[in-house]
Amino acid sequence: MAATQFDDPTGLSADNVSTARDLIKMADAASRYPLIDAFTVLSRYEEVIGTRTRFYRNSDPVVDWPDWSVQFAKTGYTREAGRCILVEADMPNGPVIIAFLGTPSSWVRSMDLVMIRRWLNGDETPVVMRRVYHASTQYRHHQTITRSHWASRATRRIPNKG
């Protein structure tokens, strides 16, 4: 993860910088921990603390999609990075990890996931359409966050865990 710099563990600092390739490496490593794996794909979780019950909801819609076999999922958002997602899912030709960085909205991120899945399933032939989304120029790390809609994405097949 040579292109990654973490300033703080929350992921909210503007000084946290990474690439899709490095985040895929991190997702691959994190998904090998059963507890992390389990919590990232729960739709909801509740925890009793003393006399109160605390409810948590997963903001990642892909964990509830019935036709997806999601093994790991993590969304993120900062003004500097835009909307991001890492998803490991089983596909007909084996598991893949998909990383989207800098998408302009949750809806675009979800629709792009659907298109990638259709392509990986062989349902559609990919058509490249250049769509450019630039991060705000008021942040000093903008050039490392999003170069273009397609260039900032990476999909990598991974071997079966076993």
N, C-alpha and C. Protein backbone atom coordinates (compact mmCIF):
# COMPACT_ATOMS: atom_id res chain seq x y z
N MET A 1 0.83 -1.18 0.00
CA MET A 1 0.00 0.00 0.00
C MET A 1 0.88 1.25 0.00
N ALA A 2 1.74 1.32 -0.97
CA ALA A 2 2.71 2.41 -1.05
C ALA A 2 2.08 3.76 -1.34
N ALA A 3 0.92 3.78 -1.95
CA ALA A 3 0.28 5.06 -2.31
C ALA A 3 -0.72 5.52 -1.26
N THR A 4 -0.68 4.92 -0.08
CA THR A 4 -1.66 5.22 0.97
C THR A 4 -1.00 5.91 2.14
N GLN A 5 -1.69 6.91 2.65
CA GLN A 5 -1.24 7.61 3.86
C GLN A 5 -2.45 7.80 4.76
N PHE A 6 -2.37 7.29 6.00
CA PHE A 6 -3.44 7.48 6.97
C PHE A 6 -2.98 8.47 8.02
N ASP A 7 -3.73 9.53 8.18
CA ASP A 7 -3.45 10.54 9.19
C ASP A 7 -4.16 10.21 10.49
N ASP A 8 -5.35 9.63 10.39
CA ASP A 8 -6.10 9.23 11.58
C ASP A 8 -6.92 7.98 11.25
N PRO A 9 -7.35 7.23 12.28
CA PRO A 9 -8.05 5.97 12.03
C PRO A 9 -9.52 6.11 11.65
N THR A 10 -10.11 7.30 11.77
CA THR A 10 -11.53 7.44 11.48
C THR A 10 -11.83 7.44 10.00
N GLY A 11 -10.86 7.79 9.19
CA GLY A 11 -11.08 7.90 7.75
C GLY A 11 -11.66 9.24 7.35
N LEU A 12 -11.82 10.16 8.28
CA LEU A 12 -12.46 11.44 8.00
C LEU A 12 -11.48 12.57 7.72
N SER A 13 -10.22 12.36 8.01
CA SER A 13 -9.23 13.41 7.80
C SER A 13 -8.95 13.62 6.31
N ALA A 14 -8.82 14.87 5.91
CA ALA A 14 -8.46 15.19 4.52
C ALA A 14 -7.05 14.72 4.20
N ASP A 15 -6.26 14.43 5.21
CA ASP A 15 -4.90 13.94 4.99
C ASP A 15 -4.84 12.43 4.79
N ASN A 16 -5.95 11.73 4.91
CA ASN A 16 -6.01 10.31 4.57
C ASN A 16 -6.14 10.22 3.05
N VAL A 17 -5.18 9.58 2.39
CA VAL A 17 -5.16 9.49 0.93
C VAL A 17 -4.84 8.05 0.53
N SER A 18 -5.55 7.54 -0.48
CA SER A 18 -5.28 6.20 -0.95
C SER A 18 -5.68 6.08 -2.42
N THR A 19 -5.48 4.90 -2.96
CA THR A 19 -5.87 4.60 -4.34
C THR A 19 -6.82 3.40 -4.31
N ALA A 20 -7.55 3.20 -5.39
CA ALA A 20 -8.44 2.04 -5.49
C ALA A 20 -7.65 0.75 -5.34
N ARG A 21 -6.48 0.69 -5.95
CA ARG A 21 -5.65 -0.52 -5.86
C ARG A 21 -5.26 -0.82 -4.41
N ASP A 22 -4.82 0.19 -3.67
CA ASP A 22 -4.44 -0.03 -2.28
C ASP A 22 -5.65 -0.39 -1.42
N LEU A 23 -6.78 0.22 -1.67
CA LEU A 23 -7.98 -0.09 -0.89
C LEU A 23 -8.46 -1.51 -1.16
N ILE A 24 -8.27 -2.01 -2.37
CA ILE A 24 -8.61 -3.40 -2.66
C ILE A 24 -7.70 -4.33 -1.86
N LYS A 25 -6.43 -4.00 -1.75
CA LYS A 25 -5.52 -4.80 -0.93
C LYS A 25 -5.99 -4.82 0.52
N MET A 26 -6.40 -3.65 1.03
CA MET A 26 -6.87 -3.55 2.41
C MET A 26 -8.17 -4.35 2.59
N ALA A 27 -9.09 -4.24 1.65
CA ALA A 27 -10.36 -4.98 1.74
C ALA A 27 -10.11 -6.48 1.71
N ASP A 28 -9.19 -6.92 0.87
CA ASP A 28 -8.85 -8.33 0.78
C ASP A 28 -8.32 -8.83 2.13
N ALA A 29 -7.44 -8.06 2.75
CA ALA A 29 -6.89 -8.44 4.05
C ALA A 29 -7.97 -8.39 5.14
N ALA A 30 -8.78 -7.35 5.16
CA ALA A 30 -9.81 -7.20 6.19
C ALA A 30 -10.86 -8.30 6.09
N SER A 31 -11.17 -8.73 4.88
CA SER A 31 -12.21 -9.74 4.70
C SER A 31 -11.78 -11.12 5.19
N ARG A 32 -10.53 -11.27 5.52
CA ARG A 32 -10.03 -12.55 6.06
C ARG A 32 -10.25 -12.66 7.57
N TYR A 33 -10.74 -11.59 8.18
CA TYR A 33 -11.08 -11.61 9.60
C TYR A 33 -12.58 -11.84 9.72
N PRO A 34 -13.00 -12.98 10.28
CA PRO A 34 -14.43 -13.32 10.30
C PRO A 34 -15.32 -12.25 10.95
N LEU A 35 -14.86 -11.61 12.01
CA LEU A 35 -15.69 -10.60 12.67
C LEU A 35 -15.92 -9.39 11.77
N ILE A 36 -14.86 -8.92 11.12
CA ILE A 36 -15.00 -7.79 10.19
C ILE A 36 -15.90 -8.19 9.03
N ASP A 37 -15.64 -9.37 8.49
CA ASP A 37 -16.44 -9.88 7.38
C ASP A 37 -17.92 -9.91 7.74
N ALA A 38 -18.24 -10.43 8.92
CA ALA A 38 -19.64 -10.58 9.33
C ALA A 38 -20.32 -9.23 9.53
N PHE A 39 -19.66 -8.30 10.19
CA PHE A 39 -20.29 -7.01 10.49
C PHE A 39 -20.49 -6.15 9.26
N THR A 40 -19.65 -6.27 8.26
CA THR A 40 -19.79 -5.40 7.09
C THR A 40 -20.97 -5.78 6.21
N VAL A 41 -21.50 -6.99 6.37
CA VAL A 41 -22.62 -7.41 5.52
C VAL A 41 -23.94 -7.53 6.27
N LEU A 42 -23.97 -7.14 7.53
CA LEU A 42 -25.24 -7.13 8.27
C LEU A 42 -26.08 -5.94 7.84
N SER A 43 -27.36 -6.17 7.62
CA SER A 43 -28.26 -5.05 7.30
C SER A 43 -28.51 -4.19 8.52
N ARG A 44 -28.70 -4.86 9.64
CA ARG A 44 -28.98 -4.17 10.90
C ARG A 44 -28.31 -4.92 12.03
N TYR A 45 -28.07 -4.20 13.10
CA TYR A 45 -27.47 -4.81 14.28
C TYR A 45 -27.99 -4.06 15.49
N GLU A 46 -28.27 -4.78 16.55
CA GLU A 46 -28.67 -4.12 17.79
C GLU A 46 -27.82 -4.64 18.93
N GLU A 47 -27.56 -3.76 19.86
CA GLU A 47 -26.69 -4.08 20.98
C GLU A 47 -27.33 -3.51 22.24
N VAL A 48 -27.42 -4.33 23.28
CA VAL A 48 -27.96 -3.89 24.55
C VAL A 48 -26.81 -3.39 25.40
N ILE A 49 -26.93 -2.13 25.82
CA ILE A 49 -25.92 -1.51 26.69
C ILE A 49 -26.65 -1.08 27.95
N GLY A 50 -26.43 -1.82 29.02
CA GLY A 50 -27.16 -1.54 30.25
C GLY A 50 -28.64 -1.82 30.05
N THR A 51 -29.46 -0.79 30.23
CA THR A 51 -30.91 -0.93 30.05
C THR A 51 -31.38 -0.42 28.69
N ARG A 52 -30.47 0.05 27.88
CA ARG A 52 -30.84 0.63 26.58
C ARG A 52 -30.39 -0.29 25.44
N THR A 53 -31.14 -0.25 24.38
CA THR A 53 -30.78 -0.99 23.17
C THR A 53 -30.36 0.02 22.11
N ARG A 54 -29.20 -0.21 21.56
CA ARG A 54 -28.67 0.66 20.51
C ARG A 54 -28.84 -0.05 19.17
N PHE A 55 -29.39 0.65 18.18
CA PHE A 55 -29.63 0.08 16.86
C PHE A 55 -28.67 0.67 15.85
N TYR A 56 -28.12 -0.18 15.00
CA TYR A 56 -27.22 0.23 13.94
C TYR A 56 -27.80 -0.23 12.61
N ARG A 57 -27.64 0.58 11.58
CA ARG A 57 -28.13 0.23 10.25
C ARG A 57 -26.99 0.39 9.26
N ASN A 58 -26.84 -0.59 8.39
CA ASN A 58 -25.81 -0.54 7.36
C ASN A 58 -26.30 0.38 6.24
N SER A 59 -25.50 1.37 5.89
CA SER A 59 -25.89 2.33 4.84
C SER A 59 -25.57 1.82 3.44
N ASP A 60 -25.01 0.64 3.34
CA ASP A 60 -24.64 0.08 2.04
C ASP A 60 -25.79 -0.75 1.49
N PRO A 61 -26.47 -0.27 0.44
CA PRO A 61 -27.65 -1.00 -0.05
C PRO A 61 -27.33 -2.36 -0.65
N VAL A 62 -26.11 -2.57 -1.11
CA VAL A 62 -25.77 -3.82 -1.78
C VAL A 62 -25.90 -5.02 -0.85
N VAL A 63 -25.79 -4.84 0.47
CA VAL A 63 -25.92 -5.97 1.38
C VAL A 63 -27.33 -6.53 1.41
N ASP A 64 -28.31 -5.74 0.97
CA ASP A 64 -29.71 -6.20 0.94
C ASP A 64 -30.17 -6.64 -0.44
N TRP A 65 -29.33 -6.52 -1.45
CA TRP A 65 -29.73 -6.92 -2.79
C TRP A 65 -29.79 -8.45 -2.85
N PRO A 66 -30.97 -9.02 -3.15
CA PRO A 66 -31.13 -10.47 -3.07
C PRO A 66 -30.30 -11.26 -4.08
N ASP A 67 -29.95 -10.67 -5.20
CA ASP A 67 -29.21 -11.40 -6.22
C ASP A 67 -27.70 -11.22 -6.12
N TRP A 68 -27.23 -10.63 -5.02
CA TRP A 68 -25.80 -10.46 -4.79
C TRP A 68 -25.38 -11.35 -3.62
N SER A 69 -24.25 -11.99 -3.74
CA SER A 69 -23.67 -12.76 -2.65
C SER A 69 -22.47 -11.96 -2.13
N VAL A 70 -22.76 -11.02 -1.25
CA VAL A 70 -21.74 -10.09 -0.76
C VAL A 70 -21.00 -10.71 0.42
N GLN A 71 -19.68 -10.70 0.36
CA GLN A 71 -18.85 -11.23 1.43
C GLN A 71 -18.26 -10.13 2.31
N PHE A 72 -18.12 -8.94 1.74
CA PHE A 72 -17.52 -7.80 2.44
C PHE A 72 -18.02 -6.54 1.75
N ALA A 73 -18.38 -5.52 2.53
CA ALA A 73 -18.81 -4.27 1.93
C ALA A 73 -18.51 -3.11 2.88
N LYS A 74 -18.01 -2.03 2.33
CA LYS A 74 -17.73 -0.83 3.12
C LYS A 74 -17.94 0.39 2.26
N THR A 75 -18.81 1.28 2.73
CA THR A 75 -19.00 2.56 2.05
C THR A 75 -18.27 3.64 2.82
N GLY A 76 -18.06 4.75 2.18
CA GLY A 76 -17.44 5.89 2.84
C GLY A 76 -17.76 7.17 2.10
N TYR A 77 -17.68 8.27 2.82
CA TYR A 77 -17.91 9.57 2.20
C TYR A 77 -17.14 10.65 2.96
N THR A 78 -16.44 11.46 2.22
CA THR A 78 -15.94 12.75 2.71
C THR A 78 -16.10 13.73 1.56
N ARG A 79 -16.12 15.00 1.88
CA ARG A 79 -16.23 15.99 0.80
C ARG A 79 -15.05 15.89 -0.15
N GLU A 80 -13.89 15.59 0.38
CA GLU A 80 -12.69 15.51 -0.45
C GLU A 80 -12.72 14.31 -1.39
N ALA A 81 -13.17 13.16 -0.89
CA ALA A 81 -13.11 11.91 -1.67
C ALA A 81 -14.39 11.58 -2.40
N GLY A 82 -15.49 12.22 -2.04
CA GLY A 82 -16.77 11.85 -2.64
C GLY A 82 -17.29 10.56 -2.02
N ARG A 83 -18.20 9.92 -2.71
CA ARG A 83 -18.78 8.67 -2.22
C ARG A 83 -17.95 7.50 -2.74
N CYS A 84 -17.57 6.64 -1.81
CA CYS A 84 -16.68 5.52 -2.14
C CYS A 84 -17.32 4.22 -1.65
N ILE A 85 -16.90 3.12 -2.26
CA ILE A 85 -17.38 1.81 -1.82
C ILE A 85 -16.35 0.75 -2.17
N LEU A 86 -16.24 -0.24 -1.29
CA LEU A 86 -15.48 -1.46 -1.53
C LEU A 86 -16.45 -2.61 -1.34
N VAL A 87 -16.54 -3.50 -2.31
CA VAL A 87 -17.45 -4.64 -2.22
C VAL A 87 -16.71 -5.88 -2.68
N GLU A 88 -16.76 -6.93 -1.87
CA GLU A 88 -16.31 -8.25 -2.32
C GLU A 88 -17.56 -9.09 -2.51
N ALA A 89 -17.73 -9.64 -3.69
CA ALA A 89 -18.92 -10.43 -3.98
C ALA A 89 -18.54 -11.65 -4.81
N ASP A 90 -19.31 -12.71 -4.62
CA ASP A 90 -19.13 -13.90 -5.45
C ASP A 90 -19.85 -13.68 -6.77
N MET A 91 -19.14 -13.91 -7.85
CA MET A 91 -19.68 -13.78 -9.20
C MET A 91 -19.56 -15.15 -9.87
N PRO A 92 -20.23 -15.35 -11.00
CA PRO A 92 -20.19 -16.66 -11.66
C PRO A 92 -18.78 -17.19 -11.93
N ASN A 93 -17.84 -16.31 -12.23
CA ASN A 93 -16.47 -16.74 -12.52
C ASN A 93 -15.55 -16.63 -11.31
N GLY A 94 -16.11 -16.47 -10.13
CA GLY A 94 -15.31 -16.38 -8.92
C GLY A 94 -15.50 -15.05 -8.21
N PRO A 95 -14.93 -14.94 -7.02
CA PRO A 95 -15.10 -13.71 -6.23
C PRO A 95 -14.32 -12.54 -6.83
N VAL A 96 -14.87 -11.34 -6.66
CA VAL A 96 -14.21 -10.11 -7.10
C VAL A 96 -14.32 -9.07 -5.99
N ILE A 97 -13.37 -8.15 -6.00
CA ILE A 97 -13.46 -6.97 -5.15
C ILE A 97 -13.56 -5.78 -6.08
N ILE A 98 -14.56 -4.95 -5.84
CA ILE A 98 -14.81 -3.76 -6.65
C ILE A 98 -14.59 -2.54 -5.78
N ALA A 99 -13.84 -1.57 -6.28
CA ALA A 99 -13.61 -0.31 -5.57
C ALA A 99 -14.06 0.85 -6.46
N PHE A 100 -14.95 1.68 -5.93
CA PHE A 100 -15.35 2.91 -6.60
C PHE A 100 -14.93 4.06 -5.71
N LEU A 101 -14.25 5.02 -6.27
CA LEU A 101 -13.83 6.21 -5.53
C LEU A 101 -14.36 7.45 -6.22
N GLY A 102 -14.88 8.37 -5.45
CA GLY A 102 -15.25 9.67 -5.99
C GLY A 102 -16.52 9.73 -6.79
N THR A 103 -17.45 8.80 -6.59
CA THR A 103 -18.71 8.91 -7.32
C THR A 103 -19.51 10.09 -6.75
N PRO A 104 -20.26 10.77 -7.60
CA PRO A 104 -20.92 12.00 -7.17
C PRO A 104 -22.14 11.78 -6.28
N SER A 105 -22.73 10.56 -6.30
CA SER A 105 -23.91 10.32 -5.48
C SER A 105 -24.02 8.84 -5.16
N SER A 106 -24.79 8.53 -4.14
CA SER A 106 -25.04 7.13 -3.78
C SER A 106 -25.76 6.40 -4.91
N TRP A 107 -26.66 7.11 -5.59
CA TRP A 107 -27.41 6.50 -6.68
C TRP A 107 -26.48 6.10 -7.82
N VAL A 108 -25.58 6.99 -8.21
CA VAL A 108 -24.62 6.69 -9.28
C VAL A 108 -23.75 5.50 -8.87
N ARG A 109 -23.31 5.50 -7.62
CA ARG A 109 -22.49 4.40 -7.11
C ARG A 109 -23.25 3.08 -7.23
N SER A 110 -24.51 3.06 -6.85
CA SER A 110 -25.32 1.84 -6.92
C SER A 110 -25.54 1.39 -8.36
N MET A 111 -25.85 2.33 -9.24
CA MET A 111 -26.07 1.97 -10.64
C MET A 111 -24.79 1.46 -11.30
N ASP A 112 -23.66 2.03 -10.93
CA ASP A 112 -22.38 1.54 -11.46
C ASP A 112 -22.11 0.12 -10.98
N LEU A 113 -22.46 -0.20 -9.73
CA LEU A 113 -22.31 -1.57 -9.23
C LEU A 113 -23.17 -2.53 -10.04
N VAL A 114 -24.39 -2.13 -10.34
CA VAL A 114 -25.28 -2.97 -11.14
C VAL A 114 -24.68 -3.22 -12.52
N MET A 115 -24.15 -2.17 -13.15
CA MET A 115 -23.56 -2.32 -14.48
C MET A 115 -22.32 -3.23 -14.46
N ILE A 116 -21.48 -3.08 -13.45
CA ILE A 116 -20.29 -3.95 -13.33
C ILE A 116 -20.73 -5.40 -13.16
N ARG A 117 -21.74 -5.63 -12.32
CA ARG A 117 -22.21 -7.00 -12.11
C ARG A 117 -22.76 -7.59 -13.40
N ARG A 118 -23.55 -6.82 -14.12
CA ARG A 118 -24.09 -7.32 -15.39
C ARG A 118 -22.97 -7.67 -16.36
N TRP A 119 -21.95 -6.84 -16.38
CA TRP A 119 -20.81 -7.11 -17.26
C TRP A 119 -20.08 -8.37 -16.83
N LEU A 120 -19.82 -8.52 -15.51
CA LEU A 120 -19.11 -9.69 -15.01
C LEU A 120 -19.92 -10.97 -15.21
N ASN A 121 -21.25 -10.86 -15.16
CA ASN A 121 -22.11 -12.02 -15.38
C ASN A 121 -22.26 -12.36 -16.86
N GLY A 122 -21.76 -11.50 -17.73
CA GLY A 122 -21.89 -11.73 -19.16
C GLY A 122 -23.23 -11.29 -19.72
N ASP A 123 -24.02 -10.56 -18.91
CA ASP A 123 -25.33 -10.10 -19.35
C ASP A 123 -25.24 -8.93 -20.32
N GLU A 124 -24.16 -8.17 -20.26
CA GLU A 124 -24.01 -6.99 -21.10
C GLU A 124 -22.57 -6.86 -21.55
N THR A 125 -22.41 -6.28 -22.70
CA THR A 125 -21.08 -5.94 -23.19
C THR A 125 -20.76 -4.54 -22.69
N PRO A 126 -19.59 -4.36 -22.08
CA PRO A 126 -19.28 -3.02 -21.57
C PRO A 126 -19.14 -2.01 -22.70
N VAL A 127 -19.69 -0.86 -22.50
CA VAL A 127 -19.55 0.26 -23.42
C VAL A 127 -18.87 1.37 -22.65
N VAL A 128 -17.75 1.82 -23.14
CA VAL A 128 -17.01 2.86 -22.44
C VAL A 128 -17.55 4.22 -22.84
N MET A 129 -18.03 4.94 -21.85
CA MET A 129 -18.47 6.32 -22.06
C MET A 129 -17.67 7.17 -21.09
N ARG A 130 -16.99 8.12 -21.59
CA ARG A 130 -16.16 8.95 -20.72
C ARG A 130 -17.05 9.87 -19.89
N ARG A 131 -16.99 9.69 -18.59
CA ARG A 131 -17.68 10.57 -17.66
C ARG A 131 -16.62 11.05 -16.68
N VAL A 132 -16.48 12.32 -16.57
CA VAL A 132 -15.44 12.87 -15.71
C VAL A 132 -16.08 13.57 -14.53
N TYR A 133 -15.66 13.18 -13.34
CA TYR A 133 -16.09 13.84 -12.12
C TYR A 133 -14.84 14.30 -11.40
N HIS A 134 -14.69 15.57 -11.22
CA HIS A 134 -13.51 16.09 -10.53
C HIS A 134 -13.85 16.43 -9.10
N ALA A 135 -12.95 16.11 -8.22
CA ALA A 135 -13.12 16.52 -6.83
C ALA A 135 -12.95 18.03 -6.74
N SER A 136 -13.40 18.59 -5.68
CA SER A 136 -13.31 20.03 -5.49
C SER A 136 -11.86 20.48 -5.49
N THR A 137 -11.59 21.61 -6.12
CA THR A 137 -10.23 22.13 -6.17
C THR A 137 -9.86 22.90 -4.91
N GLN A 138 -10.79 23.07 -3.99
CA GLN A 138 -10.46 23.81 -2.78
C GLN A 138 -9.72 22.96 -1.75
N TYR A 139 -9.59 21.66 -2.02
CA TYR A 139 -8.88 20.78 -1.10
C TYR A 139 -7.54 20.42 -1.70
N ARG A 140 -6.51 20.40 -0.89
CA ARG A 140 -5.17 20.24 -1.44
C ARG A 140 -4.89 18.84 -1.98
N HIS A 141 -5.67 17.84 -1.61
CA HIS A 141 -5.44 16.49 -2.11
C HIS A 141 -6.34 16.14 -3.29
N HIS A 142 -6.99 17.13 -3.88
CA HIS A 142 -7.96 16.83 -4.92
C HIS A 142 -7.37 16.07 -6.10
N GLN A 143 -6.13 16.30 -6.43
CA GLN A 143 -5.57 15.65 -7.60
C GLN A 143 -5.34 14.16 -7.36
N THR A 144 -5.26 13.72 -6.11
CA THR A 144 -5.02 12.31 -5.84
C THR A 144 -6.32 11.55 -5.61
N ILE A 145 -7.43 12.25 -5.59
CA ILE A 145 -8.68 11.59 -5.23
C ILE A 145 -9.40 11.04 -6.45
N THR A 146 -9.70 11.86 -7.41
CA THR A 146 -10.47 11.40 -8.56
C THR A 146 -9.92 12.02 -9.83
N ARG A 147 -9.41 11.20 -10.70
CA ARG A 147 -8.96 11.70 -11.99
C ARG A 147 -10.12 11.64 -12.99
N SER A 148 -10.82 10.54 -13.02
CA SER A 148 -12.02 10.44 -13.85
C SER A 148 -12.89 9.35 -13.27
N HIS A 149 -14.12 9.32 -13.72
CA HIS A 149 -15.10 8.36 -13.23
C HIS A 149 -14.60 6.93 -13.41
N TRP A 150 -13.99 6.63 -14.55
CA TRP A 150 -13.56 5.26 -14.81
C TRP A 150 -12.14 5.00 -14.33
N ALA A 151 -11.27 5.97 -14.40
CA ALA A 151 -9.88 5.73 -14.02
C ALA A 151 -9.73 5.50 -12.53
N SER A 152 -10.67 5.99 -11.73
CA SER A 152 -10.53 5.85 -10.29
C SER A 152 -11.10 4.54 -9.77
N ARG A 153 -11.56 3.70 -10.66
CA ARG A 153 -12.17 2.46 -10.24
C ARG A 153 -11.24 1.29 -10.53
N ALA A 154 -11.36 0.29 -9.74
CA ALA A 154 -10.57 -0.91 -9.99
C ALA A 154 -11.42 -2.13 -9.65
N THR A 155 -11.27 -3.16 -10.41
CA THR A 155 -11.92 -4.43 -10.12
C THR A 155 -10.84 -5.48 -10.23
N ARG A 156 -10.75 -6.33 -9.23
CA ARG A 156 -9.72 -7.35 -9.25
C ARG A 156 -10.33 -8.68 -8.83
N ARG A 157 -10.05 -9.71 -9.59
CA ARG A 157 -10.47 -11.05 -9.18
C ARG A 157 -9.53 -11.52 -8.09
N ILE A 158 -10.10 -12.21 -7.11
CA ILE A 158 -9.27 -12.71 -6.03
C ILE A 158 -9.44 -14.22 -5.93
N PRO A 159 -8.44 -14.91 -5.44
CA PRO A 159 -8.57 -16.36 -5.29
C PRO A 159 -9.56 -16.69 -4.18
N ASN A 160 -10.15 -17.88 -4.25
CA ASN A 160 -11.06 -18.31 -3.19
C ASN A 160 -10.32 -18.39 -1.87
N LYS A 161 -11.00 -17.95 -0.82
CA LYS A 161 -10.44 -18.10 0.52
C LYS A 161 -10.64 -19.55 0.93
N GLY A 162 -9.66 -20.10 1.52
CA GLY A 162 -9.90 -21.48 1.88
C GLY A 162 -8.97 -22.06 2.79
